[in-house]
Protein backbone atom coordinates (compact mmCIF):
# COMPACT_ATOMS: atom_id res chain seq x y z
CA MET A 1 33.11 105.12 -5.29
CA SER A 2 30.63 104.66 -2.38
CA SER A 3 31.03 102.78 0.91
CA ASP A 4 29.30 102.43 4.28
CA THR A 5 31.64 104.93 5.74
CA ASP A 6 30.60 107.55 3.10
CA ASN A 7 27.17 107.70 4.75
CA HIS A 8 28.63 109.71 7.63
CA GLY A 9 31.12 111.68 5.47
CA LEU A 10 33.98 109.52 6.78
CA ILE A 11 36.33 106.96 5.48
CA ASP A 12 38.21 104.33 7.56
CA GLY A 13 41.62 102.73 7.26
CA PHE A 14 40.30 99.66 5.55
CA HIS A 15 38.99 101.56 2.68
CA LEU A 16 41.99 103.87 2.39
CA VAL A 17 44.34 100.97 2.06
CA ILE A 18 42.18 99.41 -0.62
CA GLU A 19 41.72 102.60 -2.49
CA ALA A 20 45.44 103.45 -2.27
CA LEU A 21 46.24 100.03 -3.92
CA LYS A 22 43.57 100.47 -6.60
CA LEU A 23 44.67 104.03 -7.45
CA ASN A 24 48.10 102.45 -8.28
CA GLY A 25 46.76 99.86 -10.67
CA ILE A 26 47.04 96.93 -8.11
CA ASP A 27 43.94 94.76 -8.59
CA THR A 28 44.95 91.48 -6.90
CA ILE A 29 45.89 90.45 -3.28
CA TYR A 30 47.42 87.08 -2.37
CA GLY A 31 47.07 86.22 1.21
CA LEU A 32 45.42 84.44 4.09
CA PRO A 33 42.72 85.94 6.19
CA GLY A 34 42.83 86.30 10.01
CA ILE A 35 43.26 88.67 12.91
CA PRO A 36 43.50 91.60 12.23
CA ILE A 37 43.11 91.59 8.36
CA THR A 38 39.94 89.50 7.83
CA ASP A 39 37.72 92.37 7.01
CA LEU A 40 40.39 93.87 4.71
CA THR A 41 40.13 90.77 2.49
CA ARG A 42 36.27 90.91 2.53
CA LEU A 43 36.17 94.65 1.76
CA ALA A 44 38.83 94.48 -0.96
CA GLN A 45 36.84 91.79 -2.61
CA ALA A 46 33.58 93.85 -2.28
CA GLU A 47 35.47 96.88 -3.80
CA GLY A 48 36.32 94.89 -6.96
CA MET A 49 39.85 93.56 -6.18
CA ARG A 50 40.62 89.96 -6.79
CA VAL A 51 41.56 88.18 -3.43
CA ILE A 52 43.23 84.83 -3.80
CA SER A 53 43.20 83.15 -0.42
CA PHE A 54 45.86 80.50 0.26
CA ARG A 55 46.37 77.84 2.91
CA HIS A 56 49.74 79.02 3.94
CA GLU A 57 51.32 82.44 3.92
CA GLN A 58 54.58 81.40 2.37
CA ASN A 59 52.82 80.10 -0.74
CA ALA A 60 50.80 83.43 -0.93
CA GLY A 61 54.10 85.29 -0.75
CA ASN A 62 55.59 83.33 -3.49
CA ALA A 63 52.59 83.91 -5.68
CA ALA A 64 52.90 87.76 -4.96
CA ALA A 65 56.60 87.60 -5.98
CA ALA A 66 55.95 85.68 -9.20
CA ALA A 67 53.12 88.12 -10.08
CA GLY A 68 55.57 90.93 -9.57
CA PHE A 69 58.10 89.41 -11.95
CA LEU A 70 55.44 88.76 -14.55
CA THR A 71 53.63 92.10 -14.44
CA GLN A 72 56.22 94.70 -13.32
CA LYS A 73 53.85 95.70 -10.60
CA PRO A 74 54.56 94.87 -7.03
CA GLY A 75 52.64 91.68 -6.00
CA ILE A 76 50.73 92.00 -2.77
CA CYS A 77 50.96 89.44 -0.15
CA LEU A 78 48.55 90.01 2.93
CA THR A 79 49.15 88.16 6.17
CA VAL A 80 48.08 88.14 9.75
CA SER A 81 50.48 89.20 12.66
CA ALA A 82 53.50 87.38 14.01
CA PRO A 83 53.37 83.73 12.91
CA GLY A 84 51.60 84.64 9.69
CA PHE A 85 54.16 87.43 9.05
CA LEU A 86 56.98 85.00 9.69
CA ASN A 87 55.47 82.45 7.32
CA GLY A 88 55.50 85.23 4.63
CA LEU A 89 58.92 86.33 5.43
CA THR A 90 60.76 83.47 3.68
CA ALA A 91 58.92 84.53 0.45
CA LEU A 92 59.71 88.22 1.02
CA ALA A 93 63.46 87.36 1.34
CA ASN A 94 63.35 85.18 -1.68
CA ALA A 95 61.73 87.99 -3.62
CA THR A 96 64.43 90.33 -2.68
CA VAL A 97 67.21 87.96 -3.60
CA ASN A 98 65.54 87.17 -7.00
CA CYS A 99 64.93 90.84 -7.65
CA PHE A 100 61.08 90.44 -7.76
CA PRO A 101 58.90 93.45 -6.82
CA MET A 102 56.78 92.45 -3.95
CA ILE A 103 55.15 93.94 -0.87
CA LEU A 104 54.44 91.93 2.22
CA VAL A 105 51.58 93.63 4.02
CA SER A 106 50.99 92.35 7.64
CA GLY A 107 48.67 93.32 10.34
CA SER A 108 50.44 93.76 13.63
CA SER A 109 49.97 94.27 17.35
CA GLU A 110 49.61 97.71 18.97
CA ARG A 111 52.92 99.58 19.23
CA GLU A 112 52.31 100.68 22.94
CA ILE A 113 52.12 97.03 24.03
CA VAL A 114 54.80 95.68 21.71
CA ASP A 115 57.30 98.35 22.75
CA LEU A 116 56.79 97.67 26.37
CA GLN A 117 56.63 93.91 25.86
CA GLN A 118 53.46 93.55 27.74
CA GLY A 119 52.31 90.33 25.99
CA ASP A 120 49.81 91.38 23.34
CA TYR A 121 48.11 88.81 21.10
CA GLU A 122 50.82 87.52 18.63
CA GLU A 123 53.05 90.22 19.81
CA MET A 124 56.18 90.91 17.73
CA ASP A 125 58.32 93.79 16.47
CA GLN A 126 57.70 92.82 12.89
CA LEU A 127 59.14 95.88 11.33
CA ASN A 128 62.63 95.34 12.73
CA ALA A 129 62.35 91.58 12.12
CA ALA A 130 61.65 92.29 8.41
CA LYS A 131 64.43 94.94 7.82
CA PRO A 132 67.32 92.49 7.08
CA PHE A 133 65.40 90.65 4.45
CA CYS A 134 63.92 93.29 2.22
CA LYS A 135 64.78 96.41 0.38
CA ALA A 136 62.79 98.61 2.76
CA ALA A 137 60.31 98.47 5.60
CA PHE A 138 57.65 101.00 6.62
CA ARG A 139 54.97 101.16 9.29
CA ILE A 140 51.82 103.28 9.03
CA LEU A 141 50.29 104.48 12.34
CA HIS A 142 47.79 107.11 11.17
CA ALA A 143 45.01 107.00 8.53
CA GLN A 144 46.17 110.23 6.90
CA ASP A 145 49.61 108.57 6.10
CA ILE A 146 48.17 105.52 4.33
CA GLY A 147 48.46 107.15 0.87
CA ILE A 148 52.13 108.09 1.49
CA GLY A 149 53.02 104.79 3.04
CA VAL A 150 51.55 102.76 0.22
CA ALA A 151 53.34 105.01 -2.32
CA ARG A 152 56.67 104.67 -0.63
CA ALA A 153 56.29 100.88 -0.61
CA ILE A 154 55.46 100.79 -4.32
CA ARG A 155 58.27 102.94 -5.25
CA SER A 156 60.78 100.96 -3.15
CA ALA A 157 59.70 97.76 -4.62
CA LEU A 158 59.99 98.89 -8.25
CA SER A 159 62.81 101.50 -8.37
CA GLY A 160 66.30 100.49 -9.20
CA ARG A 161 66.93 96.83 -8.64
CA PRO A 162 63.42 95.56 -7.88
CA GLY A 163 62.79 93.59 -4.63
CA GLY A 164 60.71 92.95 -1.51
CA VAL A 165 59.31 95.63 0.74
CA TYR A 166 57.57 95.16 4.10
CA LEU A 167 54.60 97.34 5.08
CA ASP A 168 53.44 97.05 8.71
CA LEU A 169 49.70 97.96 9.53
CA PRO A 170 48.89 97.87 13.26
CA ALA A 171 45.36 96.72 14.04
CA LYS A 172 44.18 100.16 15.32
CA LEU A 173 44.96 101.69 11.91
CA PHE A 174 42.07 99.91 10.19
CA SER A 175 39.36 101.35 12.39
CA GLN A 176 40.64 104.93 12.31
CA THR A 177 38.45 107.30 10.46
CA MET A 178 38.81 110.70 8.83
CA ASP A 179 36.92 112.93 6.55
CA ALA A 180 36.27 111.12 3.31
CA GLN A 181 37.21 113.88 0.95
CA ALA A 182 40.40 114.56 2.86
CA GLY A 183 41.20 110.97 3.08
CA ARG A 184 40.98 110.55 -0.67
CA ARG A 185 43.01 113.69 -1.24
CA SER A 186 45.80 112.18 0.90
CA LEU A 187 46.11 109.19 -1.41
CA VAL A 188 49.11 109.19 -3.83
CA LYS A 189 49.32 107.82 -7.33
CA VAL A 190 52.92 107.01 -7.91
CA VAL A 191 54.39 108.60 -11.09
CA ASP A 192 57.15 106.76 -12.93
CA PRO A 193 58.02 104.41 -10.01
CA ALA A 194 60.80 102.82 -11.96
CA PRO A 195 62.26 105.72 -14.04
CA ARG A 196 64.63 104.98 -16.98
CA GLN A 197 68.23 105.04 -16.01
CA ILE A 198 70.18 105.96 -19.21
CA PRO A 199 73.72 104.53 -19.34
CA ALA A 200 76.53 107.04 -19.87
CA PRO A 201 77.66 107.21 -23.63
CA ASP A 202 81.35 106.53 -22.76
CA THR A 203 80.46 103.27 -20.89
CA VAL A 204 78.42 102.01 -23.91
CA GLN A 205 81.37 102.89 -26.30
CA ARG A 206 83.77 101.11 -24.05
CA ALA A 207 81.72 98.00 -23.96
CA LEU A 208 81.25 97.95 -27.77
CA GLU A 209 84.96 98.34 -28.29
CA LEU A 210 85.68 95.48 -26.07
CA LEU A 211 83.02 93.28 -27.81
CA LYS A 212 84.28 94.32 -31.24
CA ASP A 213 87.79 93.10 -30.46
CA ALA A 214 86.67 89.68 -29.18
CA LYS A 215 87.54 86.48 -30.98
CA ARG A 216 85.24 84.30 -29.09
CA PRO A 217 82.46 86.61 -27.70
CA LEU A 218 79.36 85.35 -25.67
CA ILE A 219 76.19 87.09 -24.57
CA LEU A 220 74.81 85.66 -21.28
CA LEU A 221 71.16 86.62 -20.60
CA GLY A 222 69.78 86.53 -17.05
CA LYS A 223 66.25 86.79 -15.60
CA GLY A 224 66.85 90.60 -15.19
CA ALA A 225 66.72 90.69 -19.03
CA ALA A 226 63.44 88.84 -18.94
CA TYR A 227 61.92 91.09 -16.26
CA ALA A 228 62.76 94.20 -18.30
CA GLN A 229 60.30 93.28 -21.18
CA ALA A 230 62.76 94.66 -23.71
CA ASP A 231 62.30 91.49 -25.75
CA ALA A 232 62.52 92.94 -29.16
CA ASP A 233 65.70 94.97 -28.58
CA ILE A 234 67.32 92.02 -26.83
CA ARG A 235 66.62 89.82 -29.75
CA ALA A 236 67.90 92.42 -32.16
CA LEU A 237 71.14 92.84 -30.21
CA VAL A 238 71.78 89.08 -30.42
CA GLU A 239 70.90 88.73 -34.05
CA ARG A 240 72.56 91.87 -35.34
CA THR A 241 75.73 91.04 -33.61
CA GLY A 242 75.56 87.33 -34.44
CA ILE A 243 77.17 86.56 -31.08
CA PRO A 244 76.25 83.18 -29.60
CA TYR A 245 74.11 83.62 -26.39
CA LEU A 246 73.38 81.46 -23.34
CA PRO A 247 70.14 82.06 -21.37
CA MET A 248 70.03 81.50 -17.66
CA SER A 249 66.84 79.35 -16.82
CA MET A 250 64.26 82.21 -16.35
CA ALA A 251 65.67 84.01 -19.49
CA LYS A 252 64.84 81.03 -21.66
CA GLY A 253 62.39 82.04 -24.40
CA LEU A 254 63.74 85.63 -24.84
CA LEU A 255 64.80 83.94 -28.06
CA PRO A 256 63.47 80.51 -28.75
CA ASP A 257 65.74 77.81 -27.31
CA THR A 258 65.83 76.41 -30.94
CA HIS A 259 67.46 79.61 -32.20
CA THR A 260 70.60 78.97 -34.22
CA GLN A 261 72.61 81.29 -32.01
CA SER A 262 71.63 79.58 -28.72
CA ALA A 263 74.68 77.98 -27.18
CA SER A 264 72.71 76.11 -24.42
CA ALA A 265 73.58 72.72 -25.88
CA ALA A 266 77.33 73.67 -25.74
CA ARG A 267 77.16 75.49 -22.39
CA SER A 268 80.37 74.00 -20.76
CA TYR A 269 82.40 74.64 -23.95
CA VAL A 270 81.32 78.31 -24.44
CA LEU A 271 81.80 79.23 -20.76
CA ALA A 272 85.27 77.71 -20.73
CA GLU A 273 86.38 79.08 -24.19
CA ALA A 274 84.77 82.51 -24.63
CA ASP A 275 87.26 85.53 -24.31
CA VAL A 276 84.68 88.23 -23.76
CA VAL A 277 81.45 87.69 -22.01
CA MET A 278 78.65 90.24 -21.93
CA LEU A 279 76.19 89.79 -19.04
CA VAL A 280 72.77 91.27 -19.60
CA GLY A 281 70.71 91.22 -16.41
CA ALA A 282 72.68 88.31 -14.99
CA ARG A 283 74.81 88.11 -11.94
CA LEU A 284 78.09 86.19 -11.41
CA ASN A 285 76.78 84.27 -8.33
CA TRP A 286 76.96 80.57 -7.55
CA LEU A 287 74.82 79.67 -10.50
CA LEU A 288 77.70 80.90 -12.78
CA SER A 289 80.47 79.56 -10.45
CA HIS A 290 81.14 83.20 -9.39
CA GLY A 291 82.78 83.82 -12.74
CA LYS A 292 85.94 81.87 -12.01
CA GLY A 293 87.32 78.38 -11.52
CA LYS A 294 87.40 75.52 -13.99
CA THR A 295 83.93 76.30 -15.24
CA TRP A 296 85.32 79.40 -16.86
CA GLY A 297 88.67 78.15 -18.16
CA ALA A 298 91.07 80.97 -18.85
CA PRO A 299 90.39 84.36 -17.40
CA LYS A 300 87.67 86.35 -19.18
CA ARG A 301 87.06 90.00 -20.03
CA PHE A 302 83.55 90.92 -18.90
CA ILE A 303 81.04 93.45 -19.90
CA GLN A 304 78.15 93.78 -17.44
CA VAL A 305 74.86 95.38 -18.12
CA ASP A 306 73.07 95.95 -14.86
CA ILE A 307 70.95 98.54 -13.05
CA SER A 308 72.88 98.33 -9.82
CA PRO A 309 76.41 99.77 -9.73
CA THR A 310 77.27 97.80 -6.63
CA GLU A 311 76.87 94.51 -8.50
CA ILE A 312 79.98 95.40 -10.55
CA ASP A 313 83.13 93.67 -9.49
CA SER A 314 81.30 91.50 -6.92
CA ASN A 315 83.39 88.42 -7.84
CA VAL A 316 85.73 89.31 -10.72
CA GLN A 317 86.90 92.51 -12.37
CA ILE A 318 84.32 93.92 -14.85
CA GLU A 319 86.14 95.77 -17.53
CA ALA A 320 83.17 97.37 -19.08
CA PRO A 321 80.18 98.12 -16.68
CA VAL A 322 77.16 99.56 -18.37
CA ILE A 323 74.95 100.97 -15.71
CA GLY A 324 71.27 101.52 -16.35
CA ASP A 325 67.88 99.88 -16.86
CA ILE A 326 68.18 96.89 -19.25
CA GLY A 327 65.86 98.48 -21.92
CA SER A 328 67.80 101.77 -22.05
CA CYS A 329 71.21 99.97 -22.04
CA VAL A 330 70.35 97.50 -24.74
CA SER A 331 68.78 100.32 -26.85
CA ALA A 332 72.07 102.35 -26.52
CA LEU A 333 74.07 99.30 -27.44
CA LEU A 334 71.97 98.78 -30.57
CA ALA A 335 72.40 102.38 -31.63
CA GLY A 336 76.16 102.03 -31.12
CA ILE A 337 76.36 98.97 -33.19
CA GLY A 338 74.76 100.50 -36.17
CA SER A 339 74.54 98.47 -39.41
CA GLY A 340 78.16 97.65 -40.03
CA TRP A 341 78.99 95.32 -37.20
CA SER A 342 81.39 92.45 -38.00
CA ARG A 343 80.02 89.11 -36.96
CA PRO A 344 82.18 86.78 -34.80
CA PRO A 345 84.87 84.65 -36.43
CA ALA A 346 83.42 81.66 -38.37
CA GLU A 347 85.78 79.39 -36.52
CA TRP A 348 84.11 80.18 -33.15
CA THR A 349 80.56 79.88 -34.34
CA ALA A 350 81.19 76.80 -36.32
CA THR A 351 82.88 74.93 -33.47
CA ILE A 352 79.91 75.78 -31.32
CA ALA A 353 77.55 74.53 -33.92
CA GLN A 354 79.45 71.24 -34.22
CA ARG A 355 79.38 70.80 -30.50
CA LYS A 356 75.64 71.60 -30.37
CA ASP A 357 74.89 69.14 -33.06
CA LYS A 358 76.78 66.42 -31.25
CA ASN A 359 75.14 67.02 -27.84
CA LEU A 360 71.71 67.40 -29.29
CA SER A 361 72.01 64.13 -31.17
CA LYS A 362 72.97 62.42 -27.94
CA MET A 363 69.99 64.08 -26.15
CA ALA A 364 67.74 62.92 -28.99
CA GLN A 365 68.96 59.31 -28.59
CA THR A 366 68.41 59.47 -24.84
CA LEU A 367 64.96 60.89 -25.24
CA SER A 368 63.98 58.28 -27.74
CA LEU A 369 64.47 55.49 -25.23
CA ASP A 370 61.30 54.26 -23.46
CA PRO A 371 62.34 52.64 -20.16
CA SER A 372 59.91 51.07 -17.78
CA PRO A 373 59.37 52.64 -15.27
CA MET A 374 60.03 56.15 -16.71
CA ASN A 375 63.19 58.00 -15.83
CA PHE A 376 63.57 61.80 -15.85
CA HIS A 377 64.56 62.02 -19.53
CA SER A 378 61.56 59.98 -20.86
CA ALA A 379 59.02 61.79 -18.78
CA LEU A 380 60.45 65.19 -19.54
CA GLY A 381 60.49 64.22 -23.19
CA ALA A 382 56.77 63.95 -23.14
CA ILE A 383 56.42 67.36 -21.40
CA ARG A 384 58.90 68.86 -24.05
CA ASP A 385 56.56 67.71 -26.88
CA VAL A 386 53.49 69.28 -25.12
CA VAL A 387 55.24 72.60 -24.60
CA LYS A 388 56.45 72.70 -28.14
CA GLY A 389 52.85 72.43 -29.33
CA ARG A 390 51.71 75.10 -26.90
CA PRO A 391 54.57 77.64 -26.61
CA ASP A 392 52.33 80.08 -24.78
CA ILE A 393 52.04 77.72 -21.71
CA VAL A 394 53.78 78.89 -18.57
CA VAL A 395 56.10 76.31 -17.07
CA VAL A 396 56.85 76.22 -13.29
CA ASN A 397 59.67 73.91 -12.31
CA GLU A 398 61.24 72.92 -9.00
CA GLY A 399 63.00 69.98 -7.44
CA ALA A 400 66.63 68.69 -7.66
CA ASN A 401 66.83 66.27 -10.57
CA THR A 402 63.52 67.34 -11.87
CA LEU A 403 64.68 70.83 -12.07
CA ASP A 404 68.08 70.23 -13.46
CA PHE A 405 66.92 67.93 -16.22
CA ALA A 406 63.99 70.09 -17.14
CA ARG A 407 66.16 73.11 -17.62
CA SER A 408 68.02 71.37 -20.38
CA ILE A 409 65.31 69.17 -21.89
CA VAL A 410 62.11 71.33 -22.06
CA ASP A 411 62.65 74.07 -24.67
CA MET A 412 60.96 77.41 -24.19
CA TYR A 413 59.87 79.63 -27.00
CA GLU A 414 58.43 82.76 -25.54
CA PRO A 415 59.70 85.15 -22.83
CA ARG A 416 58.63 84.86 -19.15
CA LYS A 417 57.04 81.51 -19.71
CA ARG A 418 59.50 79.71 -17.29
CA LEU A 419 59.47 80.24 -13.52
CA ASP A 420 61.74 78.21 -11.23
CA CYS A 421 63.43 78.51 -7.86
CA GLY A 422 65.93 81.06 -9.15
CA THR A 423 68.87 82.63 -7.38
CA TRP A 424 68.43 80.91 -3.95
CA GLY A 425 67.62 77.57 -5.37
CA ILE A 426 64.89 77.00 -2.73
CA MET A 427 62.13 74.51 -2.78
CA GLY A 428 58.48 75.30 -2.10
CA ILE A 429 57.83 77.89 -4.79
CA GLY A 430 55.80 75.62 -7.05
CA MET A 431 52.06 76.02 -6.13
CA GLY A 432 52.39 79.70 -5.34
CA PHE A 433 54.22 80.54 -8.63
CA ALA A 434 51.66 78.31 -10.56
CA VAL A 435 48.66 80.22 -9.01
CA ALA A 436 50.25 83.59 -9.88
CA ALA A 437 51.00 82.50 -13.39
CA ALA A 438 47.47 81.37 -14.02
CA VAL A 439 45.97 84.50 -12.40
CA THR A 440 48.20 87.01 -14.12
CA THR A 441 48.43 85.50 -17.63
CA GLY A 442 45.24 83.59 -17.98
CA LYS A 443 47.22 80.94 -19.80
CA PRO A 444 47.51 77.24 -18.96
CA VAL A 445 50.24 76.40 -16.47
CA ILE A 446 52.32 73.23 -16.17
CA ALA A 447 53.96 72.72 -12.82
CA ILE A 448 56.86 70.24 -13.09
CA GLU A 449 57.48 69.05 -9.50
CA GLY A 450 59.81 66.76 -7.74
CA ASP A 451 57.94 64.77 -5.15
CA SER A 452 59.99 66.30 -2.42
CA ALA A 453 59.55 69.83 -3.72
CA PHE A 454 55.77 69.41 -4.19
CA GLY A 455 55.49 68.54 -0.50
CA PHE A 456 56.38 72.02 0.54
CA SER A 457 53.29 73.61 -0.93
CA GLY A 458 51.07 70.65 -2.06
CA MET A 459 48.13 71.61 0.02
CA GLU A 460 47.60 74.55 -2.30
CA VAL A 461 45.99 72.14 -4.67
CA GLU A 462 42.88 73.00 -2.81
CA THR A 463 43.41 76.65 -3.58
CA ILE A 464 43.99 75.82 -7.33
CA CYS A 465 40.64 73.81 -7.25
CA ARG A 466 38.74 76.50 -5.34
CA TYR A 467 39.60 79.13 -7.92
CA ASN A 468 39.19 76.68 -10.83
CA LEU A 469 42.69 77.66 -12.21
CA PRO A 470 44.03 75.98 -15.42
CA VAL A 471 47.00 74.36 -13.68
CA CYS A 472 48.30 70.93 -14.55
CA ILE A 473 50.71 69.59 -11.89
CA VAL A 474 53.10 66.87 -12.82
CA VAL A 475 54.71 65.16 -9.73
CA PHE A 476 57.77 63.19 -10.49
CA ASN A 477 57.27 60.41 -8.01
CA ASN A 478 60.36 58.40 -7.34
CA ASN A 479 59.60 57.77 -3.63
CA GLY A 480 61.98 60.07 -2.02
CA VAL A 481 64.35 63.05 -1.98
CA TYR A 482 66.78 62.71 -4.85
CA LYS A 483 65.72 59.01 -5.26
CA GLY A 484 63.87 56.43 -3.12
CA THR A 485 66.52 53.84 -2.55
CA ASP A 486 68.42 55.10 0.48
CA VAL A 487 68.66 52.64 3.32
CA ASN A 488 68.56 53.12 7.15
CA VAL A 489 71.77 51.32 8.30
CA SER A 490 70.87 51.55 12.01
CA LYS A 491 68.91 49.06 14.04
CA SER A 492 65.88 51.38 13.89
CA THR A 493 62.87 50.45 11.79
CA ASP A 494 62.46 54.05 10.66
CA PRO A 495 62.83 54.73 6.90
CA ALA A 496 66.02 56.49 5.79
CA PRO A 497 65.68 60.32 6.04
CA THR A 498 65.40 60.70 2.32
CA VAL A 499 62.78 58.00 1.67
CA PHE A 500 59.00 58.64 1.35
CA VAL A 501 55.97 56.34 1.48
CA LYS A 502 56.32 53.92 -1.38
CA GLY A 503 53.75 54.30 -4.18
CA ALA A 504 52.09 57.52 -2.88
CA ARG A 505 48.99 58.64 -4.61
CA TYR A 506 49.47 62.33 -5.10
CA ASP A 507 46.70 62.22 -7.74
CA LEU A 508 44.15 61.41 -5.01
CA MET A 509 44.95 64.73 -3.26
CA MET A 510 43.64 66.63 -6.34
CA GLU A 511 40.55 64.45 -6.51
CA ALA A 512 39.79 65.07 -2.87
CA PHE A 513 39.21 68.80 -3.77
CA GLY A 514 37.26 68.18 -7.07
CA GLY A 515 40.16 68.36 -9.54
CA LYS A 516 41.28 65.63 -11.89
CA GLY A 517 43.77 63.06 -10.64
CA VAL A 518 45.78 60.78 -13.13
CA THR A 519 48.49 58.24 -12.66
CA ALA A 520 50.97 58.01 -15.57
CA ALA A 521 53.36 55.16 -15.91
CA SER A 522 54.64 55.85 -19.54
CA PRO A 523 55.50 58.95 -21.60
CA GLN A 524 52.42 58.14 -23.75
CA GLU A 525 50.12 58.19 -20.73
CA LEU A 526 51.78 61.39 -19.35
CA GLY A 527 51.49 63.22 -22.69
CA ARG A 528 47.91 62.13 -23.24
CA ALA A 529 46.95 63.28 -19.55
CA MET A 530 48.65 66.58 -20.16
CA HIS A 531 46.90 67.32 -23.42
CA GLU A 532 43.55 66.59 -21.81
CA ALA A 533 44.24 68.76 -18.79
CA ILE A 534 45.30 71.74 -21.06
CA ALA A 535 42.22 71.22 -23.34
CA SER A 536 39.84 71.16 -20.45
CA GLY A 537 41.37 73.96 -18.34
CA ARG A 538 40.50 71.83 -15.31
CA PRO A 539 42.93 71.60 -12.34
CA THR A 540 44.77 68.39 -12.81
CA LEU A 541 47.47 66.49 -10.96
CA ILE A 542 49.44 63.75 -12.73
CA ASN A 543 51.21 61.27 -10.58
CA ALA A 544 54.16 60.40 -12.89
CA ILE A 545 55.78 57.19 -11.68
CA ILE A 546 59.61 57.51 -12.07
CA ASP A 547 62.11 54.87 -11.47
CA GLU A 548 63.21 55.21 -7.89
CA THR A 549 66.82 54.52 -8.81
CA ALA A 550 66.89 57.50 -11.15
CA GLY A 551 68.50 60.75 -10.08
CA THR A 552 71.62 61.78 -8.21
CA GLU A 553 72.28 63.26 -4.78
CA SER A 554 71.37 66.95 -4.87
CA GLY A 555 70.96 66.95 -8.63
CA ARG A 556 73.84 68.68 -10.46
CA ILE A 557 75.00 70.56 -7.41
CA THR A 558 76.14 67.50 -5.54
CA SER A 559 79.32 69.43 -4.66
CA LEU A 560 77.34 71.63 -2.33
CA ASN A 561 76.16 68.77 -0.18
CA PRO A 562 79.06 68.04 2.23
CA LYS A 563 79.95 64.44 3.01
CA LYS A 564 81.37 62.91 6.14
CA ALA A 565 85.07 63.60 6.46
CA ALA A 566 86.02 61.14 9.22
CA ILE A 567 85.01 57.72 10.49
CA LYS A 568 83.47 57.86 13.93
CA THR A 569 85.59 56.13 16.54
CA PRO A 570 83.74 53.74 18.81
CA SER A 571 83.28 54.92 22.31
CA ALA A 572 85.31 53.16 24.98
């Protein structure tokens, strides 16, 4: 590879960073140019890397995190110093909580000035600010250490439980030069950054014995199972045991949601009634009521397959921990099952099937209705039909009611085709995740957005248009947060805190940047507009008009939104 610096037998920090990334198979950067990394973006593009430039660093960081989940390579987010770094920090923390491999690379002020607090441009001790929010944080001060620094960041992001890593690059590093041959020799190609972790045979046997004795067993699949890309073995484990399974939202599609063993349509029943639950790449956090309480009914006996030993017993006792990478653990479980495994009692599976049929019939009746204006069910019914016809489409989903209803209505058929706000349940991931999904998969993307959630990253419609990505955004417009009917009871003329501009034209935002904007007031119009968007591959935003009275406060997690506990006493 040649560069301008080679003319003098030298190579600089800019080129060493780029070549270190390329050496490790990283070909895309998500970021936002500015001081001191502007030339790094230009040079990376000139050297054959794809540079996707965003309008806000948090959205670039979310894109990098989603890319990491989809590819099992750390997504790279590149930001400027201080405020740009802080904008990316939320995405870094979210990647770490969600176990997505990501590296936040930020330019920074000079150490001498920062340490003496002398007031440099955008001065901040970024390394120490990042440490509480990521797996690891590193700073590179010398050009000859770039290879090792990048290698350490990659290995930290991918090894064990994946997560976010911060890499600090002070401005002076980029202009440092060294002998070109010595510089390239200093680069490191990371070998086996996520080595297999084989479970101990006795732990596998213990888990199988517990599962074999169960009268009402349940397999619960988490997004860790989806990340592992052990799809065939996971499907074989479910089908050979005959055990009903329940996928968490980002594990949907590991087996088709229409699979006969799927217990999603009887979720409440199986969580309450199962006697032995095997968690595969899933954590007993708030999304699963911490494994206790009325959601879970009588006490359970748990098997937990996880790469992190410290996850075990985090909320309830785990009788049979199986520690290792998901692929190796599932493979070992399959080997132990053999060919003579007894399927679960027919009473258990038949009761689940009856409850599924009843609930699915009720859902079908609800979806068959055609209210005007649309509600969440009728609009999502149209999207459900589109995804059924194109199971390779990637679905990105965020919001309150928009998220909750979509999880149960829109069936998924292939693994890693659903991305949502995950473990933290945060808003704002939509456009970043949609960009990453389009860039990494080359497939059409449908972003199902609540109007509130869309507001966090909506300006990235310009990014989607600029790179001409096959993204169809559907904004569920009900004029507010949760719904648009809240009333200001004070004497002020201000709207209520949860109410937006009535009749907002989100579709015109897309048209302003050259994309296709559509307003849809019926399921038929919505379905037709989505089919046209997918067929054209053109950036499209559909402003889906939803009944503003539809929806509930905080969606299905209303209990997490505290209410006033006392009446204010008038002042004397």
